[in-house]
């Protein structure tokens, strides 16, 4: 079947896109407003887009009444954010941050999370997260109705010491991160534990197998 998205409402478009673009990594964003109050919220319209320059993108929708979500308002105000990654152990604490608290309410406190100082920006990291990126806003794409795509430049990468196989050679024990991803529907997630290896083929190897 095919679906012309120009003929569908946005909520119906999301059903198709969210059910087929899976799993999606979760950007657990920590932002800070102009008064220094922190906000933490998970977003699965997120990914790394370039290693050089190191850039990430995150899409943030609006509230039901078309006003800014706190994360979007804070990024617009301060031009800074931290992307924390969600492991299986912290799944319930991440879920707390997805609740629709009002402005000025700290999801970090609600979830019992520990803020850790960042190196180059004001918003803190989440100490319990196995990895995180300090980011500064590079570009803003306004989609209308208080919806945005934010492009951030990664300034600093934080990885817990025990997650490194060889720090000198930058080898990360990726399976040990035990990250989760967003799946379909209202509450389905995936673990990054069912892995298989398939080395990339060269042109000569492909042609030799023909």
Protein backbone atom coordinates (compact mmCIF):
# COMPACT_ATOMS: atom_id res chain seq x y z
CA UNK A 1 0.00 0.00 0.00
CA UNK A 2 1.03 3.58 -0.46
CA UNK A 3 -0.01 6.65 1.52
CA UNK A 4 0.09 10.23 0.26
CA UNK A 5 1.10 12.16 3.36
CA UNK A 6 -0.24 15.39 1.89
CA UNK A 7 -3.70 13.89 2.35
CA UNK A 8 -3.19 12.85 5.97
CA UNK A 9 -3.33 14.75 9.24
CA UNK A 10 -0.07 15.14 11.15
CA UNK A 11 -1.18 12.67 13.80
CA UNK A 12 -1.81 10.07 11.10
CA UNK A 13 1.55 10.77 9.45
CA UNK A 14 3.21 10.08 12.78
CA UNK A 15 1.57 6.65 12.96
CA UNK A 16 3.26 5.62 9.72
CA UNK A 17 6.63 7.27 10.33
CA UNK A 18 6.95 6.17 13.95
CA UNK A 19 6.01 2.59 13.12
CA UNK A 20 8.54 2.21 10.31
CA UNK A 21 11.53 4.30 11.41
CA UNK A 22 12.69 2.00 14.19
CA UNK A 23 14.52 1.72 16.43
CA UNK A 24 15.19 5.41 16.97
CA UNK A 25 17.96 6.49 19.37
CA UNK A 26 16.77 8.57 22.28
CA UNK A 27 18.26 11.98 22.92
CA UNK A 28 17.68 12.64 26.60
CA UNK A 29 18.04 16.42 26.53
CA UNK A 30 19.02 18.54 29.48
CA UNK A 31 18.47 22.24 28.92
CA UNK A 32 18.49 25.33 31.09
CA UNK A 33 16.25 28.37 30.96
CA UNK A 34 17.40 31.98 31.27
CA UNK A 35 16.91 31.83 35.05
CA UNK A 36 19.15 28.77 35.43
CA UNK A 37 16.39 26.19 35.97
CA UNK A 38 17.02 22.81 34.37
CA UNK A 39 14.74 20.64 32.29
CA UNK A 40 15.25 17.04 31.20
CA UNK A 41 13.14 15.36 28.51
CA UNK A 42 13.59 12.45 26.05
CA UNK A 43 13.23 12.89 22.29
CA UNK A 44 13.39 10.09 19.75
CA UNK A 45 13.43 12.35 16.70
CA UNK A 46 17.16 12.54 17.21
CA UNK A 47 20.39 11.34 15.64
CA UNK A 48 24.00 12.20 14.86
CA UNK A 49 24.23 13.66 11.36
CA UNK A 50 27.91 14.33 10.76
CA UNK A 51 31.21 13.39 12.40
CA UNK A 52 33.16 16.26 10.80
CA UNK A 53 31.98 18.73 11.85
CA UNK A 54 30.38 16.77 14.71
CA UNK A 55 26.67 17.59 14.45
CA UNK A 56 23.44 16.21 15.88
CA UNK A 57 19.82 16.99 15.06
CA UNK A 58 16.80 16.85 17.30
CA UNK A 59 13.19 17.46 16.34
CA UNK A 60 10.95 18.94 19.01
CA UNK A 61 7.21 19.24 18.54
CA UNK A 62 4.92 21.64 20.35
CA UNK A 63 2.51 21.14 23.20
CA UNK A 64 -1.09 20.36 22.34
CA UNK A 65 -1.94 24.07 22.41
CA UNK A 66 0.87 24.92 19.96
CA UNK A 67 3.13 26.56 22.51
CA UNK A 68 6.79 25.75 22.97
CA UNK A 69 7.85 22.70 24.90
CA UNK A 70 10.25 23.65 27.68
CA UNK A 71 13.22 22.07 25.89
CA UNK A 72 12.61 24.11 22.74
CA UNK A 73 12.08 27.34 24.66
CA UNK A 74 15.28 26.77 26.62
CA UNK A 75 17.39 25.99 23.54
CA UNK A 76 16.09 29.11 21.81
CA UNK A 77 16.94 31.17 24.90
CA UNK A 78 20.40 29.80 25.77
CA UNK A 79 21.63 28.09 22.56
CA UNK A 80 22.94 25.13 24.60
CA UNK A 81 21.87 21.60 25.45
CA UNK A 82 23.25 18.24 26.56
CA UNK A 83 22.29 15.02 24.82
CA UNK A 84 22.37 12.14 27.30
CA UNK A 85 21.90 8.55 26.19
CA UNK A 86 19.45 6.20 27.87
CA UNK A 87 20.52 2.76 29.03
CA UNK A 88 18.19 0.00 30.14
CA UNK A 89 18.93 0.60 33.82
CA UNK A 90 17.67 4.19 33.58
CA UNK A 91 14.60 3.49 31.45
CA UNK A 92 12.08 4.30 34.20
CA UNK A 93 13.85 7.52 35.15
CA UNK A 94 13.84 8.58 31.51
CA UNK A 95 10.12 7.85 31.37
CA UNK A 96 9.53 10.27 34.25
CA UNK A 97 11.08 13.02 32.15
CA UNK A 98 8.57 12.35 29.41
CA UNK A 99 5.69 13.46 31.63
CA UNK A 100 4.23 16.87 30.86
CA UNK A 101 5.43 18.89 33.85
CA UNK A 102 5.00 22.64 33.83
CA UNK A 103 7.84 25.14 33.29
CA UNK A 104 10.26 25.42 36.17
CA UNK A 105 9.71 21.87 37.42
CA UNK A 106 12.96 19.88 37.49
CA UNK A 107 12.54 16.46 35.93
CA UNK A 108 15.99 15.60 37.29
CA UNK A 109 14.67 15.96 40.82
CA UNK A 110 11.41 14.17 40.02
CA UNK A 111 13.32 11.19 38.61
CA UNK A 112 15.99 11.14 41.33
CA UNK A 113 18.79 11.88 38.86
CA UNK A 114 22.14 13.47 39.62
CA UNK A 115 23.22 16.56 37.69
CA UNK A 116 26.91 16.58 36.78
CA UNK A 117 28.70 19.74 35.66
CA UNK A 118 29.40 20.14 31.98
CA UNK A 119 32.78 21.33 30.76
CA UNK A 120 31.98 24.00 28.18
CA UNK A 121 28.29 24.83 28.58
CA UNK A 122 25.93 25.72 31.42
CA UNK A 123 23.33 22.92 31.34
CA UNK A 124 24.45 19.92 33.40
CA UNK A 125 24.82 16.33 32.27
CA UNK A 126 22.98 13.38 33.78
CA UNK A 127 25.55 11.53 35.89
CA UNK A 128 23.67 8.23 35.60
CA UNK A 129 23.80 8.30 31.79
CA UNK A 130 26.62 6.17 30.33
CA UNK A 131 27.39 8.75 27.64
CA UNK A 132 26.48 12.29 26.69
CA UNK A 133 27.27 15.16 24.34
CA UNK A 134 27.66 18.80 25.26
CA UNK A 135 26.19 20.78 22.36
CA UNK A 136 25.83 24.36 21.23
CA UNK A 137 23.11 25.41 18.82
CA UNK A 138 24.36 25.80 15.25
CA UNK A 139 21.17 26.03 13.19
CA UNK A 140 17.45 26.26 13.82
CA UNK A 141 14.82 25.06 11.35
CA UNK A 142 11.40 26.47 12.25
CA UNK A 143 8.58 24.20 11.12
CA UNK A 144 5.70 26.36 12.32
CA UNK A 145 3.30 26.02 15.26
CA UNK A 146 6.19 26.07 17.75
CA UNK A 147 7.87 23.01 16.17
CA UNK A 148 11.60 23.00 15.48
CA UNK A 149 14.55 21.01 14.25
CA UNK A 150 17.66 22.02 16.17
CA UNK A 151 21.11 21.30 14.76
CA UNK A 152 23.75 21.21 17.46
CA UNK A 153 27.52 21.09 17.26
CA UNK A 154 29.00 18.55 19.65
CA UNK A 155 31.68 20.22 21.75
CA UNK A 156 32.51 17.51 24.29
CA UNK A 157 31.75 13.79 24.48
CA UNK A 158 31.43 12.23 27.93
CA UNK A 159 31.65 8.47 28.37
CA UNK A 160 31.79 6.69 31.71
CA UNK A 161 35.25 5.23 32.34
CA UNK A 162 34.00 1.65 32.64
CA UNK A 163 32.44 1.89 29.17
CA UNK A 164 35.82 2.34 27.48
CA UNK A 165 37.82 -0.60 26.13
CA UNK A 166 40.82 1.49 25.18
CA UNK A 167 40.66 5.24 25.85
CA UNK A 168 43.89 5.98 23.99
CA UNK A 169 42.53 4.43 20.78
CA UNK A 170 38.97 5.69 21.45
CA UNK A 171 37.50 2.18 21.55
CA UNK A 172 34.12 2.21 23.27
CA UNK A 173 32.52 -0.94 24.67
CA UNK A 174 29.31 -0.17 22.82
CA UNK A 175 27.36 -3.29 23.92
CA UNK A 176 28.16 -2.45 27.53
CA UNK A 177 26.38 0.89 27.16
CA UNK A 178 23.17 -1.18 27.00
CA UNK A 179 21.29 1.65 25.29
CA UNK A 180 17.61 1.49 24.44
CA UNK A 181 15.78 2.83 21.39
CA UNK A 182 12.26 3.95 20.66
CA UNK A 183 9.96 1.66 18.75
CA UNK A 184 6.30 1.97 17.72
CA UNK A 185 3.11 2.89 19.52
CA UNK A 186 2.76 4.64 22.82
CA UNK A 187 5.32 2.74 24.87
CA UNK A 188 7.42 0.23 22.94
CA UNK A 189 11.22 0.25 23.18
CA UNK A 190 14.09 -1.94 22.01
CA UNK A 191 17.33 -2.99 23.67
CA UNK A 192 20.59 -3.02 21.73
CA UNK A 193 21.40 -6.56 22.79
CA UNK A 194 20.32 -8.76 19.85
CA UNK A 195 23.33 -8.07 17.62
CA UNK A 196 24.84 -9.61 14.52
CA UNK A 197 27.99 -8.72 12.62
CA UNK A 198 28.11 -8.25 8.85
CA UNK A 199 31.32 -6.64 7.55
CA UNK A 200 30.92 -4.13 4.76
CA UNK A 201 31.77 -5.54 1.30
CA UNK A 202 34.18 -4.01 -1.14
CA UNK A 203 33.27 -3.58 -4.80
CA UNK A 204 35.63 -6.42 -5.72
CA UNK A 205 33.98 -8.78 -3.22
CA UNK A 206 30.54 -8.02 -4.60
CA UNK A 207 31.63 -8.56 -8.18
CA UNK A 208 33.47 -11.80 -7.29
CA UNK A 209 30.24 -13.23 -5.85
CA UNK A 210 28.18 -12.50 -8.94
